[in-house]
């Protein structure tokens, strides 16, 4: 058996999320079907993280074991052949040691949240950005975001259905910048709670439009209560950009 690590790019709007589900077609299912089509083997694909429906990935990582003897280029190209009609592609395949685990070997994950901040909606990036017409103050958003960096109880910033055993996480970076007509929110941590980045984005949007102050962001964190936080930003603006090992 050979263990393969693959790097995957996908448009989350066409899937019910990463994880195989009964209510629709998932990224995991698309890839497992492609692997079966290529190798004739029924395998279980293990991902570095579970993205929700509508959330995109520029570099999701997954691993699987294969008995078929092959090489990295063939794995990549064969999987892409079987994924032709799906909104997912394998960027790279790499043979790894049997102790590699896409989820548990990861030392960090990075996300980007994109807000299109202009009066006119988008014609070309529908489903890929959150359109906010009201002007946002990126500098104020960044300053407020720094109150959230570090080791905290993030109960305010996780989904009520989050299954993590503890709400305590270390947020290594939360940076907000303006890039043309877009506001970019970049988040880095070893791991994240369910919907954490989207709730952070929704809260910082309130700061950007002047509805919340820095002090309110700090108070929301200290409240350790989901009802004290801002709204959950829509999934289409969120991208998993990197998994570190």
C-alpha atoms as a PDB file:
ATOM      1  CA  UNK A   1       0.000   0.000   0.000  1.00  0.00           C
ATOM      2  CA  UNK A   2       1.167   3.507  -0.791  1.00  0.00           C
ATOM      3  CA  UNK A   3      -0.098   6.603   1.041  1.00  0.00           C
ATOM      4  CA  UNK A   4      -0.828   9.586  -1.182  1.00  0.00           C
ATOM      5  CA  UNK A   5      -1.130  13.234  -0.183  1.00  0.00           C
ATOM      6  CA  UNK A   6      -3.117  15.393  -2.590  1.00  0.00           C
ATOM      7  CA  UNK A   7      -3.631  19.163  -2.787  1.00  0.00           C
ATOM      8  CA  UNK A   8      -7.109  20.111  -3.979  1.00  0.00           C
ATOM      9  CA  UNK A   9      -8.739  23.278  -5.283  1.00  0.00           C
ATOM     10  CA  UNK A  10     -12.537  23.512  -5.390  1.00  0.00           C
ATOM     11  CA  UNK A  11     -15.518  25.804  -5.770  1.00  0.00           C
ATOM     12  CA  UNK A  12     -17.632  25.083  -2.718  1.00  0.00           C
ATOM     13  CA  UNK A  13     -20.835  26.439  -4.224  1.00  0.00           C
ATOM     14  CA  UNK A  14     -21.340  23.175  -6.105  1.00  0.00           C
ATOM     15  CA  UNK A  15     -20.980  20.938  -3.056  1.00  0.00           C
ATOM     16  CA  UNK A  16     -22.772  20.341   0.265  1.00  0.00           C
ATOM     17  CA  UNK A  17     -19.385  20.698   1.957  1.00  0.00           C
ATOM     18  CA  UNK A  18     -16.225  18.641   2.289  1.00  0.00           C
ATOM     19  CA  UNK A  19     -17.672  15.700   4.212  1.00  0.00           C
ATOM     20  CA  UNK A  20     -19.759  12.961   2.598  1.00  0.00           C
ATOM     21  CA  UNK A  21     -23.431  13.565   3.436  1.00  0.00           C
ATOM     22  CA  UNK A  22     -26.807  12.047   2.628  1.00  0.00           C
ATOM     23  CA  UNK A  23     -28.358  15.331   1.502  1.00  0.00           C
ATOM     24  CA  UNK A  24     -26.166  16.044  -1.517  1.00  0.00           C
ATOM     25  CA  UNK A  25     -22.840  15.700  -3.316  1.00  0.00           C
ATOM     26  CA  UNK A  26     -19.698  16.473  -1.291  1.00  0.00           C
ATOM     27  CA  UNK A  27     -16.079  17.156  -2.225  1.00  0.00           C
ATOM     28  CA  UNK A  28     -15.031  13.980  -0.418  1.00  0.00           C
ATOM     29  CA  UNK A  29     -17.518  11.922  -2.425  1.00  0.00           C
ATOM     30  CA  UNK A  30     -16.377  13.464  -5.720  1.00  0.00           C
ATOM     31  CA  UNK A  31     -12.754  12.603  -4.992  1.00  0.00           C
ATOM     32  CA  UNK A  32     -13.449   9.125  -3.636  1.00  0.00           C
ATOM     33  CA  UNK A  33     -15.456   8.384  -6.795  1.00  0.00           C
ATOM     34  CA  UNK A  34     -12.578   9.671  -8.942  1.00  0.00           C
ATOM     35  CA  UNK A  35     -10.087   7.498  -7.074  1.00  0.00           C
ATOM     36  CA  UNK A  36     -12.334   4.455  -7.530  1.00  0.00           C
ATOM     37  CA  UNK A  37     -12.703   5.240 -11.231  1.00  0.00           C
ATOM     38  CA  UNK A  38      -8.943   5.433 -11.634  1.00  0.00           C
ATOM     39  CA  UNK A  39      -7.835   2.537  -9.445  1.00  0.00           C
ATOM     40  CA  UNK A  40     -10.859   0.280  -9.022  1.00  0.00           C
ATOM     41  CA  UNK A  41     -10.353   0.549  -5.255  1.00  0.00           C
ATOM     42  CA  UNK A  42     -12.910   1.726  -2.692  1.00  0.00           C
ATOM     43  CA  UNK A  43     -11.004   3.989  -0.308  1.00  0.00           C
ATOM     44  CA  UNK A  44     -11.733   6.517   2.421  1.00  0.00           C
ATOM     45  CA  UNK A  45     -10.302   9.976   1.829  1.00  0.00           C
ATOM     46  CA  UNK A  46      -9.137  11.915   4.908  1.00  0.00           C
ATOM     47  CA  UNK A  47      -9.119  15.713   4.687  1.00  0.00           C
ATOM     48  CA  UNK A  48      -7.242  18.336   6.669  1.00  0.00           C
ATOM     49  CA  UNK A  49     -10.455  20.181   7.484  1.00  0.00           C
ATOM     50  CA  UNK A  50     -14.191  20.080   6.900  1.00  0.00           C
ATOM     51  CA  UNK A  51     -15.335  23.076   4.905  1.00  0.00           C
ATOM     52  CA  UNK A  52     -19.062  23.893   4.868  1.00  0.00           C
ATOM     53  CA  UNK A  53     -21.340  24.135   1.860  1.00  0.00           C
ATOM     54  CA  UNK A  54     -20.384  27.170  -0.212  1.00  0.00           C
ATOM     55  CA  UNK A  55     -16.875  27.487   1.256  1.00  0.00           C
ATOM     56  CA  UNK A  56     -14.025  27.260  -1.260  1.00  0.00           C
ATOM     57  CA  UNK A  57     -10.483  25.904  -1.106  1.00  0.00           C
ATOM     58  CA  UNK A  58      -7.313  26.939  -2.886  1.00  0.00           C
ATOM     59  CA  UNK A  59      -5.202  24.249  -1.240  1.00  0.00           C
ATOM     60  CA  UNK A  60      -7.158  21.691   0.748  1.00  0.00           C
ATOM     61  CA  UNK A  61      -5.035  18.674   1.726  1.00  0.00           C
ATOM     62  CA  UNK A  62      -6.164  15.053   1.915  1.00  0.00           C
ATOM     63  CA  UNK A  63      -4.605  11.616   2.073  1.00  0.00           C
ATOM     64  CA  UNK A  64      -5.574   8.084   1.067  1.00  0.00           C
ATOM     65  CA  UNK A  65      -3.981   4.656   0.763  1.00  0.00           C
ATOM     66  CA  UNK A  66      -3.782   2.862  -2.571  1.00  0.00           C
ATOM     67  CA  UNK A  67      -2.658  -0.666  -3.437  1.00  0.00           C
ATOM     68  CA  UNK A  68      -2.279   0.155  -7.138  1.00  0.00           C
ATOM     69  CA  UNK A  69       1.317   0.855  -8.138  1.00  0.00           C
ATOM     70  CA  UNK A  70       1.605   4.218  -9.861  1.00  0.00           C
ATOM     71  CA  UNK A  71       3.409   7.561  -9.755  1.00  0.00           C
ATOM     72  CA  UNK A  72       2.511  11.068  -8.599  1.00  0.00           C
ATOM     73  CA  UNK A  73       1.871  12.567 -12.036  1.00  0.00           C
ATOM     74  CA  UNK A  74      -0.420   9.695 -12.964  1.00  0.00           C
ATOM     75  CA  UNK A  75      -2.405  10.043  -9.718  1.00  0.00           C
ATOM     76  CA  UNK A  76      -2.922  13.764 -10.323  1.00  0.00           C
ATOM     77  CA  UNK A  77      -3.791  13.461 -14.005  1.00  0.00           C
ATOM     78  CA  UNK A  78      -6.029  10.408 -13.608  1.00  0.00           C
ATOM     79  CA  UNK A  79      -8.023  11.980 -10.793  1.00  0.00           C
ATOM     80  CA  UNK A  80      -8.472  15.171 -12.793  1.00  0.00           C
ATOM     81  CA  UNK A  81      -9.683  13.111 -15.748  1.00  0.00           C
ATOM     82  CA  UNK A  82     -12.422  11.628 -13.558  1.00  0.00           C
ATOM     83  CA  UNK A  83     -13.215  15.055 -12.052  1.00  0.00           C
ATOM     84  CA  UNK A  84     -13.745  16.801 -15.399  1.00  0.00           C
ATOM     85  CA  UNK A  85     -17.417  17.564 -14.762  1.00  0.00           C
ATOM     86  CA  UNK A  86     -16.895  18.557 -11.119  1.00  0.00           C
ATOM     87  CA  UNK A  87     -15.847  21.916  -9.654  1.00  0.00           C
ATOM     88  CA  UNK A  88     -12.727  20.398  -8.110  1.00  0.00           C
ATOM     89  CA  UNK A  89      -9.216  19.721  -9.321  1.00  0.00           C
ATOM     90  CA  UNK A  90      -6.122  18.024  -7.905  1.00  0.00           C
ATOM     91  CA  UNK A  91      -3.202  20.429  -8.070  1.00  0.00           C
ATOM     92  CA  UNK A  92      -0.541  18.038  -6.814  1.00  0.00           C
ATOM     93  CA  UNK A  93      -0.093  14.433  -5.701  1.00  0.00           C
ATOM     94  CA  UNK A  94       2.775  13.284  -3.517  1.00  0.00           C
ATOM     95  CA  UNK A  95       3.779   9.919  -2.053  1.00  0.00           C
ATOM     96  CA  UNK A  96       4.208  10.239   1.720  1.00  0.00           C
ATOM     97  CA  UNK A  97       5.140   8.019   4.640  1.00  0.00           C
ATOM     98  CA  UNK A  98       2.445   5.876   6.252  1.00  0.00           C
ATOM     99  CA  UNK A  99       2.476   8.002   9.410  1.00  0.00           C
ATOM    100  CA  UNK A 100       1.358  11.126   7.535  1.00  0.00           C
ATOM    101  CA  UNK A 101      -2.182  12.228   8.361  1.00  0.00           C
ATOM    102  CA  UNK A 102      -3.757  15.152   6.510  1.00  0.00           C
ATOM    103  CA  UNK A 103      -5.643  16.268   9.620  1.00  0.00           C
ATOM    104  CA  UNK A 104      -3.516  15.308  12.598  1.00  0.00           C
ATOM    105  CA  UNK A 105      -0.093  16.041  11.070  1.00  0.00           C
ATOM    106  CA  UNK A 106      -1.134  19.625  10.252  1.00  0.00           C
ATOM    107  CA  UNK A 107       0.507  22.371  12.318  1.00  0.00           C
ATOM    108  CA  UNK A 108      -1.626  25.225  11.045  1.00  0.00           C
ATOM    109  CA  UNK A 109      -4.443  26.320   8.767  1.00  0.00           C
ATOM    110  CA  UNK A 110      -4.934  29.605   6.930  1.00  0.00           C
ATOM    111  CA  UNK A 111      -8.174  31.148   5.675  1.00  0.00           C
ATOM    112  CA  UNK A 112      -9.039  34.200   3.615  1.00  0.00           C
ATOM    113  CA  UNK A 113     -12.394  35.960   3.732  1.00  0.00           C
ATOM    114  CA  UNK A 114     -13.195  38.228   0.766  1.00  0.00           C
ATOM    115  CA  UNK A 115     -15.670  41.110   0.958  1.00  0.00           C
ATOM    116  CA  UNK A 116     -16.465  42.988  -2.242  1.00  0.00           C
ATOM    117  CA  UNK A 117     -16.947  46.511  -0.899  1.00  0.00           C
ATOM    118  CA  UNK A 118     -18.513  48.702  -3.579  1.00  0.00           C
ATOM    119  CA  UNK A 119     -21.985  49.881  -4.545  1.00  0.00           C
ATOM    120  CA  UNK A 120     -22.263  47.678  -7.635  1.00  0.00           C
ATOM    121  CA  UNK A 121     -22.670  43.923  -7.180  1.00  0.00           C
ATOM    122  CA  UNK A 122     -20.408  41.485  -8.993  1.00  0.00           C
ATOM    123  CA  UNK A 123     -21.205  39.948 -12.348  1.00  0.00           C
ATOM    124  CA  UNK A 124     -18.173  37.671 -12.576  1.00  0.00           C
ATOM    125  CA  UNK A 125     -17.636  36.483  -8.988  1.00  0.00           C
ATOM    126  CA  UNK A 126     -21.110  35.572  -7.818  1.00  0.00           C
ATOM    127  CA  UNK A 127     -20.831  32.904  -5.156  1.00  0.00           C
ATOM    128  CA  UNK A 128     -17.180  33.760  -4.518  1.00  0.00           C
ATOM    129  CA  UNK A 129     -17.329  37.006  -2.497  1.00  0.00           C
ATOM    130  CA  UNK A 130     -19.614  38.642   0.069  1.00  0.00           C
ATOM    131  CA  UNK A 131     -20.968  41.842  -1.456  1.00  0.00           C
ATOM    132  CA  UNK A 132     -21.280  44.696   1.059  1.00  0.00           C
ATOM    133  CA  UNK A 133     -22.348  47.965  -0.553  1.00  0.00           C
ATOM    134  CA  UNK A 134     -21.868  50.245   2.466  1.00  0.00           C
ATOM    135  CA  UNK A 135     -18.279  51.603   2.719  1.00  0.00           C
ATOM    136  CA  UNK A 136     -16.134  49.736   5.239  1.00  0.00           C
ATOM    137  CA  UNK A 137     -13.187  51.114   7.213  1.00  0.00           C
ATOM    138  CA  UNK A 138     -10.522  48.418   6.810  1.00  0.00           C
ATOM    139  CA  UNK A 139      -8.125  50.143   9.222  1.00  0.00           C
ATOM    140  CA  UNK A 140     -10.743  50.171  11.998  1.00  0.00           C
ATOM    141  CA  UNK A 141     -11.542  46.523  11.297  1.00  0.00           C
ATOM    142  CA  UNK A 142      -7.859  45.577  11.544  1.00  0.00           C
ATOM    143  CA  UNK A 143      -7.380  47.448  14.818  1.00  0.00           C
ATOM    144  CA  UNK A 144     -10.411  45.771  16.353  1.00  0.00           C
ATOM    145  CA  UNK A 145      -9.266  42.382  15.074  1.00  0.00           C
ATOM    146  CA  UNK A 146      -6.090  42.582  17.150  1.00  0.00           C
ATOM    147  CA  UNK A 147      -8.176  42.225  20.330  1.00  0.00           C
ATOM    148  CA  UNK A 148      -9.058  38.725  19.146  1.00  0.00           C
ATOM    149  CA  UNK A 149      -5.538  37.504  18.411  1.00  0.00           C
ATOM    150  CA  UNK A 150      -4.056  35.122  20.967  1.00  0.00           C
ATOM    151  CA  UNK A 151      -5.190  32.332  23.281  1.00  0.00           C
ATOM    152  CA  UNK A 152      -8.871  32.791  24.185  1.00  0.00           C
ATOM    153  CA  UNK A 153     -12.176  31.129  24.885  1.00  0.00           C
ATOM    154  CA  UNK A 154     -13.912  31.744  21.537  1.00  0.00           C
ATOM    155  CA  UNK A 155     -17.413  30.619  22.609  1.00  0.00           C
ATOM    156  CA  UNK A 156     -18.797  33.873  21.183  1.00  0.00           C
ATOM    157  CA  UNK A 157     -17.294  33.066  17.799  1.00  0.00           C
ATOM    158  CA  UNK A 158     -18.341  29.476  17.194  1.00  0.00           C
ATOM    159  CA  UNK A 159     -21.502  27.898  15.840  1.00  0.00           C
ATOM    160  CA  UNK A 160     -23.983  26.618  18.396  1.00  0.00           C
ATOM    161  CA  UNK A 161     -23.700  23.169  16.787  1.00  0.00           C
ATOM    162  CA  UNK A 162     -19.889  23.167  16.976  1.00  0.00           C
ATOM    163  CA  UNK A 163     -18.689  19.752  18.124  1.00  0.00           C
ATOM    164  CA  UNK A 164     -15.228  20.792  19.353  1.00  0.00           C
ATOM    165  CA  UNK A 165     -14.538  19.575  22.881  1.00  0.00           C
ATOM    166  CA  UNK A 166     -13.197  22.980  23.935  1.00  0.00           C
ATOM    167  CA  UNK A 167     -13.901  26.542  22.749  1.00  0.00           C
ATOM    168  CA  UNK A 168     -10.341  27.558  23.633  1.00  0.00           C
ATOM    169  CA  UNK A 169      -8.123  28.213  20.623  1.00  0.00           C
ATOM    170  CA  UNK A 170      -5.027  30.232  19.781  1.00  0.00           C
ATOM    171  CA  UNK A 171      -5.577  32.663  16.923  1.00  0.00           C
ATOM    172  CA  UNK A 172      -2.111  33.377  15.560  1.00  0.00           C
ATOM    173  CA  UNK A 173      -3.097  36.116  13.134  1.00  0.00           C
ATOM    174  CA  UNK A 174      -6.185  38.086  12.144  1.00  0.00           C
ATOM    175  CA  UNK A 175      -5.317  40.770   9.609  1.00  0.00           C
ATOM    176  CA  UNK A 176      -7.653  43.052   7.653  1.00  0.00           C
ATOM    177  CA  UNK A 177      -6.590  44.959   4.566  1.00  0.00           C
ATOM    178  CA  UNK A 178      -8.119  46.699   1.573  1.00  0.00           C
ATOM    179  CA  UNK A 179      -7.151  45.431  -1.873  1.00  0.00           C
ATOM    180  CA  UNK A 180      -8.838  47.621  -4.463  1.00  0.00           C
ATOM    181  CA  UNK A 181     -12.591  47.158  -4.082  1.00  0.00           C
ATOM    182  CA  UNK A 182     -12.136  44.232  -1.710  1.00  0.00           C
ATOM    183  CA  UNK A 183     -11.656  43.848   2.030  1.00  0.00           C
ATOM    184  CA  UNK A 184      -9.481  40.827   2.838  1.00  0.00           C
ATOM    185  CA  UNK A 185      -9.587  39.169   6.260  1.00  0.00           C
ATOM    186  CA  UNK A 186      -6.717  36.700   6.736  1.00  0.00           C
ATOM    187  CA  UNK A 187      -6.816  34.275   9.676  1.00  0.00           C
ATOM    188  CA  UNK A 188      -4.151  31.830  10.827  1.00  0.00           C
ATOM    189  CA  UNK A 189      -4.328  29.243  13.618  1.00  0.00           C
ATOM    190  CA  UNK A 190      -3.466  25.625  14.313  1.00  0.00           C
ATOM    191  CA  UNK A 191      -7.179  24.837  14.072  1.00  0.00           C
ATOM    192  CA  UNK A 192     -10.504  26.647  14.079  1.00  0.00           C
ATOM    193  CA  UNK A 193     -13.929  26.176  15.604  1.00  0.00           C
ATOM    194  CA  UNK A 194     -16.984  25.591  13.428  1.00  0.00           C
ATOM    195  CA  UNK A 195     -17.884  28.852  11.646  1.00  0.00           C
ATOM    196  CA  UNK A 196     -15.237  30.755  13.637  1.00  0.00           C
ATOM    197  CA  UNK A 197     -13.783  32.689  10.691  1.00  0.00           C
ATOM    198  CA  UNK A 198     -17.213  33.519   9.295  1.00  0.00           C
ATOM    199  CA  UNK A 199     -18.415  34.862  12.657  1.00  0.00           C
ATOM    200  CA  UNK A 200     -15.205  36.868  13.024  1.00  0.00           C
ATOM    201  CA  UNK A 201     -15.805  38.322   9.550  1.00  0.00           C
ATOM    202  CA  UNK A 202     -19.413  39.144  10.342  1.00  0.00           C
ATOM    203  CA  UNK A 203     -18.399  40.869  13.570  1.00  0.00           C
ATOM    204  CA  UNK A 204     -15.597  42.879  11.961  1.00  0.00           C
ATOM    205  CA  UNK A 205     -17.981  43.995   9.218  1.00  0.00           C
ATOM    206  CA  UNK A 206     -20.030  45.709  11.962  1.00  0.00           C
ATOM    207  CA  UNK A 207     -16.878  47.559  13.034  1.00  0.00           C
ATOM    208  CA  UNK A 208     -16.105  48.536   9.454  1.00  0.00           C
ATOM    209  CA  UNK A 209     -19.494  50.167   8.939  1.00  0.00           C
ATOM    210  CA  UNK A 210     -19.316  52.000  12.274  1.00  0.00           C
ATOM    211  CA  UNK A 211     -22.021  49.989  14.051  1.00  0.00           C
ATOM    212  CA  UNK A 212     -19.576  48.491  16.583  1.00  0.00           C
ATOM    213  CA  UNK A 213     -16.540  49.863  18.408  1.00  0.00           C
ATOM    214  CA  UNK A 214     -13.298  48.135  19.390  1.00  0.00           C
ATOM    215  CA  UNK A 215     -14.592  47.959  22.950  1.00  0.00           C
ATOM    216  CA  UNK A 216     -17.682  46.067  21.821  1.00  0.00           C
ATOM    217  CA  UNK A 217     -15.514  43.469  20.082  1.00  0.00           C
ATOM    218  CA  UNK A 218     -13.510  42.949  23.276  1.00  0.00           C
ATOM    219  CA  UNK A 219     -16.704  42.751  25.319  1.00  0.00           C
ATOM    220  CA  UNK A 220     -18.139  40.181  22.926  1.00  0.00           C
ATOM    221  CA  UNK A 221     -15.045  37.997  23.344  1.00  0.00           C
ATOM    222  CA  UNK A 222     -15.226  38.265  27.124  1.00  0.00           C
ATOM    223  CA  UNK A 223     -18.928  37.374  27.138  1.00  0.00           C
ATOM    224  CA  UNK A 224     -18.171  33.808  25.971  1.00  0.00           C
ATOM    225  CA  UNK A 225     -21.689  33.688  24.543  1.00  0.00           C
ATOM    226  CA  UNK A 226     -22.637  33.259  20.873  1.00  0.00           C
ATOM    227  CA  UNK A 227     -25.518  35.729  21.233  1.00  0.00           C
ATOM    228  CA  UNK A 228     -23.001  38.468  22.126  1.00  0.00           C
ATOM    229  CA  UNK A 229     -21.185  38.196  18.788  1.00  0.00           C
ATOM    230  CA  UNK A 230     -21.869  39.509  15.330  1.00  0.00           C
ATOM    231  CA  UNK A 231     -23.650  37.645  12.532  1.00  0.00           C
ATOM    232  CA  UNK A 232     -22.188  34.700  10.657  1.00  0.00           C
ATOM    233  CA  UNK A 233     -20.886  35.968   7.324  1.00  0.00           C
ATOM    234  CA  UNK A 234     -22.108  33.988   4.290  1.00  0.00           C
ATOM    235  CA  UNK A 235     -19.995  31.009   3.187  1.00  0.00           C
ATOM    236  CA  UNK A 236     -19.211  32.230  -0.327  1.00  0.00           C
ATOM    237  CA  UNK A 237     -16.538  34.688   0.807  1.00  0.00           C
ATOM    238  CA  UNK A 238     -14.461  32.093   2.669  1.00  0.00           C
ATOM    239  CA  UNK A 239     -11.427  30.247   1.273  1.00  0.00           C
ATOM    240  CA  UNK A 240      -9.134  27.666   2.835  1.00  0.00           C
ATOM    241  CA  UNK A 241      -5.855  28.923   1.417  1.00  0.00           C
ATOM    242  CA  UNK A 242      -3.179  26.810   3.072  1.00  0.00           C
ATOM    243  CA  UNK A 243      -2.564  23.899   5.438  1.00  0.00           C
ATOM    244  CA  UNK A 244       0.849  23.934   7.115  1.00  0.00           C
ATOM    245  CA  UNK A 245       2.856  20.828   8.036  1.00  0.00           C
END
